[in-house]
N, C-alpha and C. Protein backbone atom coordinates (compact mmCIF):
# COMPACT_ATOMS: atom_id res chain seq x y z
N UNK A 1 10.29 -26.25 12.17
CA UNK A 1 9.52 -24.69 12.53
C UNK A 1 9.22 -23.42 11.85
N UNK A 2 9.29 -23.02 10.40
CA UNK A 2 9.06 -22.20 9.99
C UNK A 2 9.19 -22.84 8.41
N UNK A 3 8.02 -21.94 8.05
CA UNK A 3 7.82 -21.94 6.70
C UNK A 3 8.43 -21.65 5.84
N UNK A 4 8.52 -22.10 4.63
CA UNK A 4 9.27 -20.91 3.45
C UNK A 4 7.35 -20.51 2.79
N UNK A 5 7.98 -19.02 2.44
CA UNK A 5 6.26 -18.81 1.97
C UNK A 5 6.43 -19.52 0.25
N UNK A 6 5.62 -19.45 -0.22
CA UNK A 6 5.17 -20.60 -1.54
C UNK A 6 5.89 -19.41 -2.59
N UNK A 7 5.94 -19.91 -4.01
CA UNK A 7 6.86 -19.11 -5.20
C UNK A 7 6.09 -18.94 -5.49
N UNK A 8 4.62 -19.16 -5.52
CA UNK A 8 3.66 -18.11 -5.66
C UNK A 8 2.56 -17.30 -4.68
N UNK A 9 2.33 -15.76 -4.82
CA UNK A 9 1.14 -16.09 -3.53
C UNK A 9 -0.01 -16.31 -3.50
N UNK A 10 -0.10 -16.44 -2.28
CA UNK A 10 -1.72 -16.45 -2.76
C UNK A 10 -2.71 -16.22 -2.21
N UNK A 11 -3.27 -15.99 -3.93
CA UNK A 11 -4.17 -14.20 -4.25
C UNK A 11 -5.93 -14.26 -2.97
N UNK A 12 -5.72 -15.65 -2.90
CA UNK A 12 -7.02 -15.89 -3.29
C UNK A 12 -8.63 -14.96 -3.29
N UNK A 13 -8.40 -14.87 -2.82
CA UNK A 13 -9.89 -12.78 -2.83
C UNK A 13 -10.21 -12.29 -4.00
N UNK A 14 -8.05 -11.69 -3.89
CA UNK A 14 -8.19 -11.24 -5.08
C UNK A 14 -8.12 -11.50 -6.11
N UNK A 15 -7.46 -12.52 -6.50
CA UNK A 15 -7.54 -13.65 -7.67
C UNK A 15 -8.20 -13.09 -8.89
N UNK A 16 -9.77 -12.57 -8.61
CA UNK A 16 -10.35 -11.74 -9.77
C UNK A 16 -9.93 -10.73 -9.78
N UNK A 17 -9.14 -9.55 -9.40
CA UNK A 17 -8.68 -8.45 -9.11
C UNK A 17 -7.53 -8.23 -9.73
N UNK A 18 -7.00 -9.36 -9.89
CA UNK A 18 -5.70 -9.24 -10.35
C UNK A 18 -5.99 -10.04 -12.32
N UNK A 19 -6.22 -11.14 -12.06
CA UNK A 19 -6.58 -10.89 -13.99
C UNK A 19 -7.28 -9.75 -14.18
N UNK A 20 -8.40 -9.18 -13.77
CA UNK A 20 -8.95 -8.06 -14.29
C UNK A 20 -8.21 -6.77 -13.84
N UNK A 21 -6.20 -6.92 -13.50
CA UNK A 21 -5.93 -5.73 -13.62
C UNK A 21 -4.89 -6.24 -15.20
N UNK A 22 -4.61 -7.39 -15.18
CA UNK A 22 -3.82 -8.42 -15.86
C UNK A 22 -4.35 -7.97 -17.55
N UNK A 23 -6.09 -7.76 -17.82
CA UNK A 23 -6.91 -7.53 -18.77
C UNK A 23 -6.97 -6.62 -19.23
N UNK A 24 -7.02 -5.31 -18.30
CA UNK A 24 -6.98 -4.12 -18.54
C UNK A 24 -5.33 -3.84 -19.21
N UNK A 25 -4.33 -4.25 -18.86
CA UNK A 25 -2.92 -4.41 -19.27
C UNK A 25 -3.25 -4.61 -20.62
N UNK A 26 -3.29 -5.36 -20.78
CA UNK A 26 -3.42 -6.10 -22.49
C UNK A 26 -4.62 -5.42 -23.23
N UNK A 27 -5.69 -4.95 -23.02
CA UNK A 27 -6.49 -3.82 -23.59
C UNK A 27 -5.47 -2.72 -23.75
N UNK A 28 -5.32 -1.89 -22.96
CA UNK A 28 -4.76 -0.44 -22.98
C UNK A 28 -3.70 0.05 -23.06
N UNK A 29 -2.83 -1.23 -23.43
CA UNK A 29 -1.35 -1.89 -23.70
C UNK A 29 -0.77 -1.23 -22.71
N UNK A 30 -0.86 -1.44 -21.58
CA UNK A 30 -0.20 -0.37 -20.07
C UNK A 30 0.34 -1.04 -19.19
N UNK A 31 2.00 -1.32 -19.25
CA UNK A 31 2.26 -1.63 -18.43
C UNK A 31 1.57 -1.47 -17.21
N UNK A 32 1.88 -2.39 -15.85
CA UNK A 32 0.92 -3.32 -14.71
C UNK A 32 1.06 -1.94 -13.72
N UNK A 33 2.06 -1.78 -13.37
CA UNK A 33 2.14 -0.55 -12.70
C UNK A 33 1.47 0.68 -12.38
N UNK A 34 1.74 1.26 -13.89
CA UNK A 34 0.83 2.65 -14.54
C UNK A 34 -0.60 2.76 -14.36
N UNK A 35 -0.87 0.69 -14.45
CA UNK A 35 -2.82 0.34 -14.66
C UNK A 35 -3.24 0.24 -13.34
N UNK A 36 -2.80 0.25 -12.61
CA UNK A 36 -2.76 0.23 -10.84
C UNK A 36 -3.39 1.71 -10.25
N UNK A 37 -1.87 2.47 -10.56
CA UNK A 37 -1.15 3.79 -10.21
C UNK A 37 -2.98 4.53 -11.19
N UNK A 38 -2.97 4.30 -11.46
CA UNK A 38 -4.32 4.80 -12.65
C UNK A 38 -5.58 4.64 -11.62
N UNK A 39 -6.35 3.18 -11.52
CA UNK A 39 -7.05 2.87 -10.93
C UNK A 39 -6.98 3.51 -9.13
N UNK A 40 -6.10 3.45 -8.49
CA UNK A 40 -5.94 3.89 -7.52
C UNK A 40 -6.58 5.59 -7.67
N UNK A 41 -5.68 5.97 -9.08
CA UNK A 41 -6.24 7.91 -8.52
C UNK A 41 -7.73 7.64 -9.09
N UNK A 42 -8.28 6.96 -9.63
CA UNK A 42 -9.69 6.94 -9.99
C UNK A 42 -10.46 6.42 -7.88
N UNK A 43 -9.82 5.21 -7.57
CA UNK A 43 -10.75 5.20 -6.06
C UNK A 43 -10.54 6.45 -5.23
N UNK A 44 -9.15 7.00 -5.39
CA UNK A 44 -9.45 8.00 -4.26
C UNK A 44 -10.37 9.19 -4.69
N UNK A 45 -10.25 9.83 -6.04
CA UNK A 45 -10.89 10.89 -6.42
C UNK A 45 -12.93 10.71 -6.51
N UNK A 46 -12.81 9.52 -6.25
CA UNK A 46 -14.16 8.52 -5.37
C UNK A 46 -14.75 8.66 -3.95
N UNK A 47 -13.38 8.48 -3.13
CA UNK A 47 -13.83 8.26 -2.41
C UNK A 47 -13.63 10.06 -1.37
N UNK A 48 -13.20 10.85 -1.92
CA UNK A 48 -13.16 12.55 -1.91
C UNK A 48 -14.49 12.42 -2.61
N UNK A 49 -15.49 12.07 -3.44
CA UNK A 49 -16.81 12.90 -3.97
C UNK A 49 -17.86 12.18 -3.07
N UNK A 50 -17.64 10.86 -2.08
CA UNK A 50 -18.47 10.02 -1.47
C UNK A 50 -18.68 11.91 -0.26
N UNK A 51 -17.71 11.80 -0.03
CA UNK A 51 -16.81 12.03 1.75
C UNK A 51 -18.02 13.57 1.18
N UNK A 52 -17.41 14.71 -0.21
CA UNK A 52 -18.00 15.43 -0.43
C UNK A 52 -19.44 15.92 -0.58
N UNK A 53 -20.55 14.93 -0.76
CA UNK A 53 -22.04 14.60 -0.91
C UNK A 53 -22.06 14.08 0.35
N UNK A 54 -21.09 13.30 1.25
CA UNK A 54 -21.70 13.43 2.09
C UNK A 54 -22.16 14.60 3.87
N UNK A 55 -20.78 15.59 2.40
CA UNK A 55 -21.24 16.86 3.83
C UNK A 55 -22.13 17.87 3.33
N UNK A 56 -22.72 17.92 2.45
CA UNK A 56 -23.69 18.71 1.49
C UNK A 56 -25.37 18.36 2.53
N UNK A 57 -24.72 16.72 2.02
CA UNK A 57 -26.62 16.05 2.48
C UNK A 57 -26.82 16.20 4.34
N UNK A 58 -25.34 16.40 4.71
CA UNK A 58 -25.63 17.02 5.81
C UNK A 58 -26.32 18.20 6.42
N UNK A 59 -25.63 19.15 5.85
CA UNK A 59 -26.63 20.24 5.99
C UNK A 59 -27.54 20.76 5.80
């Protein structure tokens, strides 16, 4: 009736991202959580920048 979840999550389309994060961890000699937090901060700043850029273009 109910299936048990697999031992390993199915990363599907996220597999290249997961591998890239692992490589960044190795290159930066950092832990996974810190690398992901850093990438998230970069994305937040980029999104804010793009939003401001659009506001300026509309004026």
